[in-house]
Amino acid sequence: MKTVGILGASNKKGRYARIAQEILMEKGYDVVPICIRDEDILGLKSYRSIDDVPRNIDTLTVYVSPRNMERHLDAIVRSDIRRVILNPGTESDSIK
């Protein structure tokens, strides 16, 4: 089973990160919410940073602003994440 991390996961209904998590869970993926505010999202333990996740993430899908993304860049580079998806609204000239 593939593990998908959701950076910027959210408990707020209507947020794209929450919709993505619901769909991924329905499809049977091992989902890892990463959020600095919530401890639990849709019944899953949420981690404050990528460094806190106790297992490898195959794919990271990003739902944070470029300003917030910058604080996670070093952790992404250090990790064994195989694929990073920057969703609309996360891209910037400094993150390539």
N, C-alpha and C. Protein backbone atom coordinates (compact mmCIF):
# COMPACT_ATOMS: atom_id res chain seq x y z
N MET A 1 0.85 -1.19 0.00
CA MET A 1 0.00 0.00 0.00
C MET A 1 0.89 1.24 0.00
N LYS A 2 0.58 2.18 -0.84
CA LYS A 2 1.34 3.43 -0.93
C LYS A 2 0.95 4.37 0.22
N THR A 3 1.94 5.04 0.76
CA THR A 3 1.70 6.02 1.82
C THR A 3 1.75 7.41 1.22
N VAL A 4 0.69 8.18 1.46
CA VAL A 4 0.58 9.54 0.93
C VAL A 4 0.53 10.51 2.09
N GLY A 5 1.47 11.43 2.14
CA GLY A 5 1.45 12.50 3.13
C GLY A 5 0.71 13.70 2.56
N ILE A 6 -0.09 14.34 3.41
CA ILE A 6 -0.81 15.54 3.00
C ILE A 6 -0.29 16.70 3.84
N LEU A 7 0.58 17.51 3.25
CA LEU A 7 1.14 18.66 3.94
C LEU A 7 0.14 19.81 3.83
N GLY A 8 -0.36 20.25 4.98
CA GLY A 8 -1.40 21.28 5.00
C GLY A 8 -2.77 20.66 5.18
N ALA A 9 -2.80 19.43 5.72
CA ALA A 9 -4.07 18.74 5.96
C ALA A 9 -4.96 19.63 6.82
N SER A 10 -6.28 19.43 6.69
CA SER A 10 -7.21 20.33 7.38
C SER A 10 -8.48 19.60 7.80
N ASN A 11 -9.01 20.01 8.95
CA ASN A 11 -10.30 19.53 9.42
C ASN A 11 -11.45 20.35 8.84
N LYS A 12 -11.15 21.45 8.17
CA LYS A 12 -12.20 22.33 7.66
C LYS A 12 -12.84 21.75 6.41
N LYS A 13 -14.16 21.56 6.48
CA LYS A 13 -14.89 21.05 5.33
C LYS A 13 -14.74 22.01 4.15
N GLY A 14 -14.64 21.43 2.97
CA GLY A 14 -14.52 22.23 1.76
C GLY A 14 -13.09 22.55 1.36
N ARG A 15 -12.14 22.36 2.26
CA ARG A 15 -10.73 22.59 1.91
C ARG A 15 -10.25 21.48 0.98
N TYR A 16 -9.46 21.84 0.00
CA TYR A 16 -8.98 20.84 -0.96
C TYR A 16 -8.18 19.74 -0.27
N ALA A 17 -7.40 20.09 0.74
CA ALA A 17 -6.61 19.08 1.44
C ALA A 17 -7.53 18.05 2.11
N ARG A 18 -8.62 18.51 2.68
CA ARG A 18 -9.55 17.57 3.33
C ARG A 18 -10.25 16.70 2.28
N ILE A 19 -10.67 17.30 1.18
CA ILE A 19 -11.31 16.54 0.11
C ILE A 19 -10.34 15.48 -0.42
N ALA A 20 -9.09 15.85 -0.62
CA ALA A 20 -8.08 14.91 -1.10
C ALA A 20 -7.92 13.77 -0.10
N GLN A 21 -7.87 14.09 1.19
CA GLN A 21 -7.71 13.05 2.20
C GLN A 21 -8.90 12.08 2.18
N GLU A 22 -10.10 12.63 2.08
CA GLU A 22 -11.29 11.76 2.03
C GLU A 22 -11.22 10.80 0.85
N ILE A 23 -10.85 11.31 -0.32
CA ILE A 23 -10.78 10.47 -1.52
C ILE A 23 -9.67 9.42 -1.39
N LEU A 24 -8.50 9.84 -0.92
CA LEU A 24 -7.40 8.89 -0.77
C LEU A 24 -7.74 7.79 0.22
N MET A 25 -8.41 8.14 1.31
CA MET A 25 -8.81 7.14 2.30
C MET A 25 -9.84 6.18 1.69
N GLU A 26 -10.79 6.71 0.93
CA GLU A 26 -11.80 5.86 0.27
C GLU A 26 -11.14 4.87 -0.70
N LYS A 27 -10.05 5.30 -1.34
CA LYS A 27 -9.35 4.46 -2.31
C LYS A 27 -8.39 3.47 -1.65
N GLY A 28 -8.27 3.54 -0.32
CA GLY A 28 -7.45 2.58 0.41
C GLY A 28 -6.00 2.95 0.63
N TYR A 29 -5.63 4.19 0.36
CA TYR A 29 -4.25 4.62 0.59
C TYR A 29 -3.99 4.78 2.09
N ASP A 30 -2.74 4.59 2.48
CA ASP A 30 -2.28 4.87 3.83
C ASP A 30 -1.99 6.38 3.86
N VAL A 31 -2.86 7.14 4.51
CA VAL A 31 -2.77 8.60 4.50
C VAL A 31 -2.14 9.11 5.79
N VAL A 32 -1.22 10.06 5.64
CA VAL A 32 -0.56 10.69 6.77
C VAL A 32 -0.83 12.19 6.72
N PRO A 33 -1.75 12.69 7.56
CA PRO A 33 -1.98 14.13 7.60
C PRO A 33 -0.82 14.85 8.31
N ILE A 34 -0.40 15.97 7.74
CA ILE A 34 0.66 16.78 8.35
C ILE A 34 0.09 18.19 8.48
N CYS A 35 -0.07 18.61 9.74
CA CYS A 35 -0.74 19.88 10.03
C CYS A 35 -0.24 20.41 11.36
N ILE A 36 0.05 21.68 11.43
CA ILE A 36 0.56 22.23 12.70
C ILE A 36 -0.54 22.53 13.71
N ARG A 37 -1.81 22.56 13.26
CA ARG A 37 -2.90 22.94 14.17
C ARG A 37 -3.66 21.78 14.78
N ASP A 38 -3.96 20.76 14.01
CA ASP A 38 -4.85 19.70 14.46
C ASP A 38 -4.09 18.42 14.80
N GLU A 39 -4.49 17.76 15.88
CA GLU A 39 -3.86 16.50 16.28
C GLU A 39 -4.48 15.30 15.60
N ASP A 40 -5.71 15.46 15.11
CA ASP A 40 -6.46 14.36 14.51
C ASP A 40 -7.26 14.92 13.34
N ILE A 41 -7.14 14.28 12.19
CA ILE A 41 -7.91 14.73 11.02
C ILE A 41 -8.59 13.51 10.40
N LEU A 42 -9.90 13.57 10.37
CA LEU A 42 -10.71 12.48 9.83
C LEU A 42 -10.35 11.14 10.48
N GLY A 43 -10.10 11.18 11.77
CA GLY A 43 -9.81 9.96 12.53
C GLY A 43 -8.38 9.48 12.46
N LEU A 44 -7.51 10.21 11.78
CA LEU A 44 -6.10 9.83 11.68
C LEU A 44 -5.23 10.80 12.47
N LYS A 45 -4.21 10.25 13.14
CA LYS A 45 -3.26 11.10 13.87
C LYS A 45 -2.57 12.01 12.88
N SER A 46 -2.48 13.28 13.24
CA SER A 46 -1.81 14.27 12.41
C SER A 46 -0.44 14.59 13.02
N TYR A 47 0.54 14.81 12.17
CA TYR A 47 1.89 15.13 12.62
C TYR A 47 2.19 16.59 12.31
N ARG A 48 2.98 17.20 13.17
CA ARG A 48 3.28 18.63 13.03
C ARG A 48 4.28 18.92 11.92
N SER A 49 5.12 17.95 11.60
CA SER A 49 6.10 18.15 10.53
C SER A 49 6.43 16.82 9.87
N ILE A 50 7.05 16.89 8.72
CA ILE A 50 7.47 15.69 8.00
C ILE A 50 8.45 14.89 8.84
N ASP A 51 9.31 15.57 9.57
CA ASP A 51 10.30 14.90 10.42
C ASP A 51 9.64 14.06 11.51
N ASP A 52 8.41 14.38 11.91
CA ASP A 52 7.73 13.66 12.97
C ASP A 52 7.05 12.38 12.50
N VAL A 53 6.90 12.20 11.21
CA VAL A 53 6.20 11.03 10.67
C VAL A 53 7.09 9.80 10.86
N PRO A 54 6.57 8.75 11.54
CA PRO A 54 7.41 7.60 11.88
C PRO A 54 7.59 6.56 10.77
N ARG A 55 7.07 6.81 9.58
CA ARG A 55 7.23 5.86 8.47
C ARG A 55 7.53 6.63 7.19
N ASN A 56 7.99 5.90 6.19
CA ASN A 56 8.32 6.53 4.91
C ASN A 56 7.07 6.96 4.17
N ILE A 57 7.16 8.09 3.51
CA ILE A 57 6.09 8.62 2.68
C ILE A 57 6.51 8.42 1.22
N ASP A 58 5.63 7.79 0.43
CA ASP A 58 5.93 7.59 -0.99
C ASP A 58 5.67 8.87 -1.77
N THR A 59 4.50 9.48 -1.52
CA THR A 59 4.10 10.69 -2.22
C THR A 59 3.67 11.73 -1.20
N LEU A 60 4.12 12.95 -1.41
CA LEU A 60 3.69 14.08 -0.57
C LEU A 60 2.89 15.02 -1.45
N THR A 61 1.66 15.30 -1.06
CA THR A 61 0.85 16.26 -1.79
C THR A 61 0.73 17.51 -0.91
N VAL A 62 1.01 18.65 -1.49
CA VAL A 62 1.20 19.88 -0.72
C VAL A 62 0.02 20.84 -0.91
N TYR A 63 -0.49 21.33 0.22
CA TYR A 63 -1.61 22.28 0.23
C TYR A 63 -1.30 23.44 1.17
N VAL A 64 -0.10 23.98 1.10
CA VAL A 64 0.27 25.14 1.91
C VAL A 64 0.75 26.25 0.99
N SER A 65 0.69 27.47 1.47
CA SER A 65 1.14 28.62 0.68
C SER A 65 2.66 28.57 0.50
N PRO A 66 3.18 29.23 -0.51
CA PRO A 66 4.63 29.26 -0.70
C PRO A 66 5.37 29.75 0.54
N ARG A 67 4.80 30.72 1.22
CA ARG A 67 5.44 31.26 2.43
C ARG A 67 5.56 30.17 3.50
N ASN A 68 4.52 29.36 3.67
CA ASN A 68 4.57 28.28 4.65
C ASN A 68 5.36 27.08 4.16
N MET A 69 5.43 26.90 2.87
CA MET A 69 6.15 25.78 2.28
C MET A 69 7.64 25.85 2.57
N GLU A 70 8.17 27.05 2.58
CA GLU A 70 9.62 27.21 2.75
C GLU A 70 10.13 26.59 4.04
N ARG A 71 9.33 26.61 5.10
CA ARG A 71 9.80 26.02 6.37
C ARG A 71 9.87 24.50 6.32
N HIS A 72 9.25 23.89 5.32
CA HIS A 72 9.24 22.43 5.19
C HIS A 72 10.26 21.91 4.19
N LEU A 73 10.88 22.78 3.43
CA LEU A 73 11.77 22.35 2.35
C LEU A 73 12.92 21.47 2.82
N ASP A 74 13.60 21.85 3.89
CA ASP A 74 14.72 21.04 4.37
C ASP A 74 14.27 19.64 4.75
N ALA A 75 13.13 19.52 5.42
CA ALA A 75 12.62 18.20 5.81
C ALA A 75 12.28 17.36 4.58
N ILE A 76 11.74 17.98 3.55
CA ILE A 76 11.42 17.25 2.32
C ILE A 76 12.71 16.73 1.69
N VAL A 77 13.72 17.56 1.63
CA VAL A 77 14.99 17.17 1.02
C VAL A 77 15.65 16.04 1.83
N ARG A 78 15.58 16.09 3.14
CA ARG A 78 16.17 15.07 4.01
C ARG A 78 15.43 13.74 3.94
N SER A 79 14.18 13.77 3.59
CA SER A 79 13.35 12.58 3.63
C SER A 79 13.59 11.67 2.43
N ASP A 80 12.95 10.51 2.47
CA ASP A 80 13.00 9.57 1.35
C ASP A 80 11.76 9.67 0.48
N ILE A 81 11.08 10.79 0.51
CA ILE A 81 9.87 10.97 -0.29
C ILE A 81 10.24 10.86 -1.76
N ARG A 82 9.49 10.01 -2.48
CA ARG A 82 9.81 9.75 -3.88
C ARG A 82 9.18 10.74 -4.84
N ARG A 83 8.05 11.31 -4.45
CA ARG A 83 7.33 12.24 -5.35
C ARG A 83 6.67 13.32 -4.52
N VAL A 84 6.78 14.56 -4.97
CA VAL A 84 6.14 15.71 -4.32
C VAL A 84 5.22 16.37 -5.34
N ILE A 85 3.96 16.55 -4.95
CA ILE A 85 2.98 17.19 -5.82
C ILE A 85 2.66 18.57 -5.24
N LEU A 86 2.98 19.61 -5.99
CA LEU A 86 2.66 20.98 -5.59
C LEU A 86 1.32 21.34 -6.23
N ASN A 87 0.30 21.42 -5.42
CA ASN A 87 -1.04 21.75 -5.91
C ASN A 87 -1.15 23.23 -6.20
N PRO A 88 -2.13 23.64 -7.00
CA PRO A 88 -2.30 25.07 -7.32
C PRO A 88 -2.33 25.93 -6.06
N GLY A 89 -1.59 27.01 -6.10
CA GLY A 89 -1.50 27.91 -4.96
C GLY A 89 -0.26 27.70 -4.12
N THR A 90 0.48 26.61 -4.39
CA THR A 90 1.70 26.34 -3.62
C THR A 90 2.96 26.73 -4.37
N GLU A 91 2.84 26.94 -5.67
CA GLU A 91 4.04 27.19 -6.47
C GLU A 91 4.57 28.61 -6.26
N SER A 92 5.88 28.72 -6.43
CA SER A 92 6.54 30.02 -6.38
C SER A 92 7.86 29.93 -7.12
N ASP A 93 8.45 31.06 -7.47
CA ASP A 93 9.72 31.07 -8.16
C ASP A 93 10.85 30.53 -7.30
N SER A 94 10.72 30.64 -5.97
CA SER A 94 11.79 30.18 -5.09
C SER A 94 11.74 28.69 -4.82
N ILE A 95 10.63 28.05 -5.19
CA ILE A 95 10.49 26.60 -4.98
C ILE A 95 10.41 25.93 -6.33
N LYS A 96 11.54 25.35 -6.73
CA LYS A 96 11.59 24.68 -8.04
C LYS A 96 12.26 23.34 -7.91
